[in-house]
PDB file of all heavy atoms in Angstrom:
ATOM      1  N   SER A   1      -6.513 -83.655 -47.230  1.00  0.00           N
ATOM      2  CA  SER A   1      -7.161 -82.630 -48.055  1.00  0.00           C
ATOM      3  C   SER A   1      -7.919 -81.668 -47.151  1.00  0.00           C
ATOM      4  O   SER A   1      -8.114 -81.943 -45.967  1.00  0.00           O
ATOM      5  CB  SER A   1      -8.134 -83.280 -49.050  1.00  0.00           C
ATOM      6  OG  SER A   1      -9.196 -83.918 -48.369  1.00  0.00           O
ATOM      7  N   TRP A   2      -8.328 -80.543 -47.729  1.00  0.00           N
ATOM      8  CA  TRP A   2      -9.100 -79.558 -46.984  1.00  0.00           C
ATOM      9  C   TRP A   2      -9.873 -78.687 -47.949  1.00  0.00           C
ATOM     10  O   TRP A   2      -9.531 -78.579 -49.126  1.00  0.00           O
ATOM     11  CB  TRP A   2      -8.208 -78.693 -46.089  1.00  0.00           C
ATOM     12  CG  TRP A   2      -7.109 -77.984 -46.809  1.00  0.00           C
ATOM     13  CD1 TRP A   2      -7.145 -76.729 -47.370  1.00  0.00           C
ATOM     14  CD2 TRP A   2      -5.805 -78.493 -47.083  1.00  0.00           C
ATOM     15  NE1 TRP A   2      -5.940 -76.426 -47.964  1.00  0.00           N
ATOM     16  CE2 TRP A   2      -5.098 -77.505 -47.796  1.00  0.00           C
ATOM     17  CE3 TRP A   2      -5.164 -79.699 -46.792  1.00  0.00           C
ATOM     18  CZ2 TRP A   2      -3.789 -77.690 -48.232  1.00  0.00           C
ATOM     19  CZ3 TRP A   2      -3.854 -79.874 -47.222  1.00  0.00           C
ATOM     20  CH2 TRP A   2      -3.191 -78.866 -47.927  1.00  0.00           C
ATOM     21  N   GLU A   3     -10.933 -78.101 -47.405  1.00  0.00           N
ATOM     22  CA  GLU A   3     -11.775 -77.177 -48.158  1.00  0.00           C
ATOM     23  C   GLU A   3     -12.036 -75.957 -47.303  1.00  0.00           C
ATOM     24  O   GLU A   3     -12.103 -76.050 -46.073  1.00  0.00           O
ATOM     25  CB  GLU A   3     -13.118 -77.826 -48.508  1.00  0.00           C
ATOM     26  CG  GLU A   3     -13.027 -78.990 -49.449  1.00  0.00           C
ATOM     27  CD  GLU A   3     -14.386 -79.640 -49.713  1.00  0.00           C
ATOM     28  OE1 GLU A   3     -15.403 -79.196 -49.123  1.00  0.00           O
ATOM     29  OE2 GLU A   3     -14.422 -80.580 -50.510  1.00  0.00           O
ATOM     30  N   VAL A   4     -12.193 -74.820 -47.974  1.00  0.00           N
ATOM     31  CA  VAL A   4     -12.515 -73.568 -47.299  1.00  0.00           C
ATOM     32  C   VAL A   4     -13.848 -73.090 -47.861  1.00  0.00           C
ATOM     33  O   VAL A   4     -14.037 -73.075 -49.078  1.00  0.00           O
ATOM     34  CB  VAL A   4     -11.416 -72.507 -47.525  1.00  0.00           C
ATOM     35  CG1 VAL A   4     -11.741 -71.226 -46.783  1.00  0.00           C
ATOM     36  CG2 VAL A   4     -10.047 -73.045 -47.127  1.00  0.00           C
ATOM     37  N   SER A   5     -14.759 -72.701 -46.986  1.00  0.00           N
ATOM     38  CA  SER A   5     -16.070 -72.216 -47.433  1.00  0.00           C
ATOM     39  C   SER A   5     -15.914 -70.920 -48.225  1.00  0.00           C
ATOM     40  O   SER A   5     -14.911 -70.211 -48.097  1.00  0.00           O
ATOM     41  CB  SER A   5     -16.999 -71.984 -46.240  1.00  0.00           C
ATOM     42  OG  SER A   5     -16.491 -70.962 -45.405  1.00  0.00           O
ATOM     43  N   ALA A   6     -16.903 -70.620 -49.020  1.00  0.00           N
ATOM     44  CA  ALA A   6     -16.873 -69.413 -49.858  1.00  0.00           C
ATOM     45  C   ALA A   6     -16.705 -68.144 -49.038  1.00  0.00           C
ATOM     46  O   ALA A   6     -16.047 -67.195 -49.477  1.00  0.00           O
ATOM     47  CB  ALA A   6     -18.137 -69.328 -50.710  1.00  0.00           C
ATOM     48  N   ASP A   7     -17.280 -68.126 -47.827  1.00  0.00           N
ATOM     49  CA  ASP A   7     -17.155 -66.928 -46.987  1.00  0.00           C
ATOM     50  C   ASP A   7     -15.862 -66.909 -46.165  1.00  0.00           C
ATOM     51  O   ASP A   7     -15.597 -65.965 -45.425  1.00  0.00           O
ATOM     52  CB  ASP A   7     -18.373 -66.756 -46.082  1.00  0.00           C
ATOM     53  CG  ASP A   7     -18.509 -67.847 -45.024  1.00  0.00           C
ATOM     54  OD1 ASP A   7     -17.666 -68.766 -44.956  1.00  0.00           O
ATOM     55  OD2 ASP A   7     -19.488 -67.784 -44.261  1.00  0.00           O
ATOM     56  N   GLY A   8     -15.037 -67.958 -46.284  1.00  0.00           N
ATOM     57  CA  GLY A   8     -13.747 -68.000 -45.595  1.00  0.00           C
ATOM     58  C   GLY A   8     -13.847 -68.219 -44.092  1.00  0.00           C
ATOM     59  O   GLY A   8     -12.869 -68.026 -43.371  1.00  0.00           O
ATOM     60  N   LYS A   9     -15.002 -68.681 -43.610  1.00  0.00           N
ATOM     61  CA  LYS A   9     -15.190 -68.855 -42.172  1.00  0.00           C
ATOM     62  C   LYS A   9     -15.217 -70.318 -41.716  1.00  0.00           C
ATOM     63  O   LYS A   9     -15.232 -70.577 -40.517  1.00  0.00           O
ATOM     64  CB  LYS A   9     -16.478 -68.156 -41.727  1.00  0.00           C
ATOM     65  CG  LYS A   9     -16.388 -66.634 -41.838  1.00  0.00           C
ATOM     66  CD  LYS A   9     -17.707 -65.946 -41.555  1.00  0.00           C
ATOM     67  CE  LYS A   9     -18.160 -66.148 -40.148  1.00  0.00           C
ATOM     68  NZ  LYS A   9     -19.396 -65.388 -39.834  1.00  0.00           N
ATOM     69  N   VAL A  10     -15.216 -71.251 -42.663  1.00  0.00           N
ATOM     70  CA  VAL A  10     -15.259 -72.671 -42.301  1.00  0.00           C
ATOM     71  C   VAL A  10     -14.146 -73.402 -43.053  1.00  0.00           C
ATOM     72  O   VAL A  10     -14.085 -73.345 -44.285  1.00  0.00           O
ATOM     73  CB  VAL A  10     -16.635 -73.296 -42.627  1.00  0.00           C
ATOM     74  CG1 VAL A  10     -16.643 -74.780 -42.251  1.00  0.00           C
ATOM     75  CG2 VAL A  10     -17.752 -72.556 -41.914  1.00  0.00           C
ATOM     76  N   TYR A  11     -13.300 -74.082 -42.297  1.00  0.00           N
ATOM     77  CA  TYR A  11     -12.205 -74.879 -42.850  1.00  0.00           C
ATOM     78  C   TYR A  11     -12.456 -76.334 -42.462  1.00  0.00           C
ATOM     79  O   TYR A  11     -12.560 -76.653 -41.274  1.00  0.00           O
ATOM     80  CB  TYR A  11     -10.857 -74.430 -42.284  1.00  0.00           C
ATOM     81  CG  TYR A  11     -10.375 -73.116 -42.840  1.00  0.00           C
ATOM     82  CD1 TYR A  11     -10.983 -71.910 -42.491  1.00  0.00           C
ATOM     83  CD2 TYR A  11      -9.297 -73.069 -43.718  1.00  0.00           C
ATOM     84  CE1 TYR A  11     -10.547 -70.705 -43.002  1.00  0.00           C
ATOM     85  CE2 TYR A  11      -8.847 -71.863 -44.236  1.00  0.00           C
ATOM     86  CZ  TYR A  11      -9.476 -70.689 -43.872  1.00  0.00           C
ATOM     87  OH  TYR A  11      -9.041 -69.488 -44.384  1.00  0.00           O
ATOM     88  N   THR A  12     -12.557 -77.203 -43.461  1.00  0.00           N
ATOM     89  CA  THR A  12     -12.848 -78.612 -43.225  1.00  0.00           C
ATOM     90  C   THR A  12     -11.682 -79.453 -43.719  1.00  0.00           C
ATOM     91  O   THR A  12     -11.281 -79.338 -44.884  1.00  0.00           O
ATOM     92  CB  THR A  12     -14.151 -79.023 -43.942  1.00  0.00           C
ATOM     93  OG1 THR A  12     -15.197 -78.134 -43.531  1.00  0.00           O
ATOM     94  CG2 THR A  12     -14.523 -80.459 -43.615  1.00  0.00           C
ATOM     95  N   PHE A  13     -11.154 -80.295 -42.833  1.00  0.00           N
ATOM     96  CA  PHE A  13      -9.986 -81.123 -43.127  1.00  0.00           C
ATOM     97  C   PHE A  13     -10.357 -82.595 -43.091  1.00  0.00           C
ATOM     98  O   PHE A  13     -11.062 -83.041 -42.186  1.00  0.00           O
ATOM     99  CB  PHE A  13      -8.879 -80.878 -42.102  1.00  0.00           C
ATOM    100  CG  PHE A  13      -8.320 -79.500 -42.155  1.00  0.00           C
ATOM    101  CD1 PHE A  13      -8.921 -78.463 -41.466  1.00  0.00           C
ATOM    102  CD2 PHE A  13      -7.185 -79.230 -42.903  1.00  0.00           C
ATOM    103  CE1 PHE A  13      -8.404 -77.178 -41.520  1.00  0.00           C
ATOM    104  CE2 PHE A  13      -6.660 -77.946 -42.970  1.00  0.00           C
ATOM    105  CZ  PHE A  13      -7.277 -76.916 -42.270  1.00  0.00           C
ATOM    106  N   LYS A  14      -9.871 -83.345 -44.074  1.00  0.00           N
ATOM    107  CA  LYS A  14      -9.991 -84.805 -44.094  1.00  0.00           C
ATOM    108  C   LYS A  14      -8.635 -85.357 -43.676  1.00  0.00           C
ATOM    109  O   LYS A  14      -7.598 -85.025 -44.267  1.00  0.00           O
ATOM    110  CB  LYS A  14     -10.335 -85.316 -45.491  1.00  0.00           C
ATOM    111  CG  LYS A  14     -11.726 -84.977 -45.944  1.00  0.00           C
ATOM    112  CD  LYS A  14     -12.749 -85.824 -45.241  1.00  0.00           C
ATOM    113  CE  LYS A  14     -14.129 -85.572 -45.831  1.00  0.00           C
ATOM    114  NZ  LYS A  14     -15.152 -86.296 -45.128  1.00  0.00           N
ATOM    115  N   LEU A  15      -8.645 -86.216 -42.659  1.00  0.00           N
ATOM    116  CA  LEU A  15      -7.411 -86.801 -42.137  1.00  0.00           C
ATOM    117  C   LEU A  15      -7.096 -88.126 -42.826  1.00  0.00           C
ATOM    118  O   LEU A  15      -7.991 -88.808 -43.317  1.00  0.00           O
ATOM    119  CB  LEU A  15      -7.553 -87.054 -40.633  1.00  0.00           C
ATOM    120  CG  LEU A  15      -7.980 -85.876 -39.767  1.00  0.00           C
ATOM    121  CD1 LEU A  15      -8.175 -86.339 -38.327  1.00  0.00           C
ATOM    122  CD2 LEU A  15      -6.968 -84.760 -39.847  1.00  0.00           C
ATOM    123  N   TYR A  16      -5.831 -88.486 -42.799  1.00  0.00           N
ATOM    124  CA  TYR A  16      -5.444 -89.827 -43.223  1.00  0.00           C
ATOM    125  C   TYR A  16      -6.004 -90.827 -42.217  1.00  0.00           C
ATOM    126  O   TYR A  16      -6.129 -90.523 -41.027  1.00  0.00           O
ATOM    127  CB  TYR A  16      -3.919 -89.962 -43.276  1.00  0.00           C
ATOM    128  CG  TYR A  16      -3.304 -89.268 -44.461  1.00  0.00           C
ATOM    129  CD1 TYR A  16      -2.705 -88.018 -44.320  1.00  0.00           C
ATOM    130  CD2 TYR A  16      -3.310 -89.857 -45.719  1.00  0.00           C
ATOM    131  CE1 TYR A  16      -2.136 -87.375 -45.409  1.00  0.00           C
ATOM    132  CE2 TYR A  16      -2.742 -89.229 -46.812  1.00  0.00           C
ATOM    133  CZ  TYR A  16      -2.155 -87.982 -46.651  1.00  0.00           C
ATOM    134  OH  TYR A  16      -1.599 -87.356 -47.728  1.00  0.00           O
ATOM    135  N   ASP A  17      -6.327 -92.014 -42.679  1.00  0.00           N
ATOM    136  CA  ASP A  17      -6.822 -93.080 -41.812  1.00  0.00           C
ATOM    137  C   ASP A  17      -5.682 -93.760 -41.063  1.00  0.00           C
ATOM    138  O   ASP A  17      -4.560 -93.828 -41.556  1.00  0.00           O
ATOM    139  CB  ASP A  17      -7.534 -94.165 -42.637  1.00  0.00           C
ATOM    140  CG  ASP A  17      -8.826 -93.682 -43.255  1.00  0.00           C
ATOM    141  OD1 ASP A  17      -9.533 -92.912 -42.601  1.00  0.00           O
ATOM    142  OD2 ASP A  17      -9.114 -94.096 -44.397  1.00  0.00           O
ATOM    143  N   ASN A  18      -6.012 -94.286 -39.903  1.00  0.00           N
ATOM    144  CA  ASN A  18      -5.135 -95.201 -39.150  1.00  0.00           C
ATOM    145  C   ASN A  18      -3.788 -94.626 -38.730  1.00  0.00           C
ATOM    146  O   ASN A  18      -2.817 -95.373 -38.618  1.00  0.00           O
ATOM    147  CB  ASN A  18      -4.935 -96.501 -39.929  1.00  0.00           C
ATOM    148  CG  ASN A  18      -6.250 -97.210 -40.168  1.00  0.00           C
ATOM    149  OD1 ASN A  18      -7.079 -97.295 -39.269  1.00  0.00           O
ATOM    150  ND2 ASN A  18      -6.458 -97.705 -41.379  1.00  0.00           N
ATOM    151  N   ILE A  19      -3.717 -93.339 -38.503  1.00  0.00           N
ATOM    152  CA  ILE A  19      -2.503 -92.768 -37.926  1.00  0.00           C
ATOM    153  C   ILE A  19      -2.592 -92.984 -36.422  1.00  0.00           C
ATOM    154  O   ILE A  19      -3.646 -92.775 -35.820  1.00  0.00           O
ATOM    155  CB  ILE A  19      -2.388 -91.266 -38.244  1.00  0.00           C
ATOM    156  CG1 ILE A  19      -2.252 -91.067 -39.752  1.00  0.00           C
ATOM    157  CG2 ILE A  19      -1.205 -90.655 -37.499  1.00  0.00           C
ATOM    158  CD1 ILE A  19      -2.301 -89.620 -40.183  1.00  0.00           C
ATOM    159  N   LYS A  20      -1.491 -93.412 -35.832  1.00  0.00           N
ATOM    160  CA  LYS A  20      -1.512 -93.683 -34.394  1.00  0.00           C
ATOM    161  C   LYS A  20      -0.486 -92.837 -33.659  1.00  0.00           C
ATOM    162  O   LYS A  20       0.581 -92.532 -34.179  1.00  0.00           O
ATOM    163  CB  LYS A  20      -1.237 -95.155 -34.136  1.00  0.00           C
ATOM    164  CG  LYS A  20      -2.372 -96.011 -34.668  1.00  0.00           C
ATOM    165  CD  LYS A  20      -2.371 -97.372 -34.098  1.00  0.00           C
ATOM    166  CE  LYS A  20      -3.595 -98.094 -34.630  1.00  0.00           C
ATOM    167  NZ  LYS A  20      -3.695 -99.424 -34.177  1.00  0.00           N
ATOM    168  N   PHE A  21      -0.861 -92.484 -32.431  1.00  0.00           N
ATOM    169  CA  PHE A  21       0.070 -91.831 -31.528  1.00  0.00           C
ATOM    170  C   PHE A  21       1.058 -92.886 -31.023  1.00  0.00           C
ATOM    171  O   PHE A  21       0.803 -94.091 -31.123  1.00  0.00           O
ATOM    172  CB  PHE A  21      -0.679 -91.214 -30.335  1.00  0.00           C
ATOM    173  CG  PHE A  21      -1.491 -90.006 -30.687  1.00  0.00           C
ATOM    174  CD1 PHE A  21      -2.864 -90.101 -30.840  1.00  0.00           C
ATOM    175  CD2 PHE A  21      -0.886 -88.773 -30.863  1.00  0.00           C
ATOM    176  CE1 PHE A  21      -3.614 -88.988 -31.153  1.00  0.00           C
ATOM    177  CE2 PHE A  21      -1.632 -87.649 -31.183  1.00  0.00           C
ATOM    178  CZ  PHE A  21      -2.999 -87.754 -31.331  1.00  0.00           C
ATOM    179  N   GLN A  22       2.136 -92.426 -30.462  1.00  0.00           N
ATOM    180  CA  GLN A  22       3.153 -93.335 -29.958  1.00  0.00           C
ATOM    181  C   GLN A  22       2.661 -94.182 -28.786  1.00  0.00           C
ATOM    182  O   GLN A  22       3.284 -95.180 -28.443  1.00  0.00           O
ATOM    183  CB  GLN A  22       4.407 -92.542 -29.585  1.00  0.00           C
ATOM    184  CG  GLN A  22       5.030 -91.921 -30.811  1.00  0.00           C
ATOM    185  CD  GLN A  22       5.812 -90.668 -30.532  1.00  0.00           C
ATOM    186  OE1 GLN A  22       5.901 -90.203 -29.407  1.00  0.00           O
ATOM    187  NE2 GLN A  22       6.373 -90.090 -31.581  1.00  0.00           N
ATOM    188  N   ASP A  23       1.510 -93.834 -28.201  1.00  0.00           N
ATOM    189  CA  ASP A  23       0.924 -94.657 -27.132  1.00  0.00           C
ATOM    190  C   ASP A  23      -0.050 -95.684 -27.691  1.00  0.00           C
ATOM    191  O   ASP A  23      -0.721 -96.390 -26.946  1.00  0.00           O
ATOM    192  CB  ASP A  23       0.251 -93.786 -26.069  1.00  0.00           C
ATOM    193  CG  ASP A  23      -0.885 -92.931 -26.612  1.00  0.00           C
ATOM    194  OD1 ASP A  23      -1.336 -93.136 -27.761  1.00  0.00           O
ATOM    195  OD2 ASP A  23      -1.343 -92.038 -25.876  1.00  0.00           O
ATOM    196  N   GLY A  24      -0.159 -95.769 -29.028  1.00  0.00           N
ATOM    197  CA  GLY A  24      -0.998 -96.767 -29.676  1.00  0.00           C
ATOM    198  C   GLY A  24      -2.413 -96.335 -29.967  1.00  0.00           C
ATOM    199  O   GLY A  24      -3.157 -97.043 -30.644  1.00  0.00           O
ATOM    200  N   THR A  25      -2.833 -95.168 -29.484  1.00  0.00           N
ATOM    201  CA  THR A  25      -4.189 -94.695 -29.747  1.00  0.00           C
ATOM    202  C   THR A  25      -4.261 -94.022 -31.108  1.00  0.00           C
ATOM    203  O   THR A  25      -3.253 -93.557 -31.644  1.00  0.00           O
ATOM    204  CB  THR A  25      -4.676 -93.730 -28.647  1.00  0.00           C
ATOM    205  OG1 THR A  25      -3.789 -92.607 -28.582  1.00  0.00           O
ATOM    206  CG2 THR A  25      -4.724 -94.432 -27.291  1.00  0.00           C
ATOM    207  N   VAL A  26      -5.462 -93.980 -31.667  1.00  0.00           N
ATOM    208  CA  VAL A  26      -5.672 -93.439 -33.010  1.00  0.00           C
ATOM    209  C   VAL A  26      -5.727 -91.919 -32.990  1.00  0.00           C
ATOM    210  O   VAL A  26      -6.362 -91.316 -32.122  1.00  0.00           O
ATOM    211  CB  VAL A  26      -6.977 -94.014 -33.610  1.00  0.00           C
ATOM    212  CG1 VAL A  26      -7.279 -93.393 -34.966  1.00  0.00           C
ATOM    213  CG2 VAL A  26      -6.876 -95.520 -33.747  1.00  0.00           C
ATOM    214  N   CYS A  27      -5.074 -91.326 -33.967  1.00  0.00           N
ATOM    215  CA  CYS A  27      -5.156 -89.874 -34.164  1.00  0.00           C
ATOM    216  C   CYS A  27      -6.285 -89.631 -35.165  1.00  0.00           C
ATOM    217  O   CYS A  27      -6.100 -89.740 -36.371  1.00  0.00           O
ATOM    218  CB  CYS A  27      -3.840 -89.313 -34.691  1.00  0.00           C
ATOM    219  SG  CYS A  27      -3.920 -87.529 -34.969  1.00  0.00           S
ATOM    220  N   ASP A  28      -7.453 -89.323 -34.629  1.00  0.00           N
ATOM    221  CA  ASP A  28      -8.626 -89.077 -35.459  1.00  0.00           C
ATOM    222  C   ASP A  28      -9.115 -87.647 -35.250  1.00  0.00           C
ATOM    223  O   ASP A  28      -8.458 -86.845 -34.577  1.00  0.00           O
ATOM    224  CB  ASP A  28      -9.712 -90.108 -35.159  1.00  0.00           C
ATOM    225  CG  ASP A  28     -10.147 -90.101 -33.698  1.00  0.00           C
ATOM    226  OD1 ASP A  28      -9.745 -89.204 -32.927  1.00  0.00           O
ATOM    227  OD2 ASP A  28     -10.907 -91.016 -33.318  1.00  0.00           O
TER     228      ASP A  28
END
């Protein structure tokens, strides 16, 4: 999900949990 501020200058994204890169580290 994501939200955009009323002034259109701030974009905030919520990531899915526990996604991992192919090297095993977390994509946070």
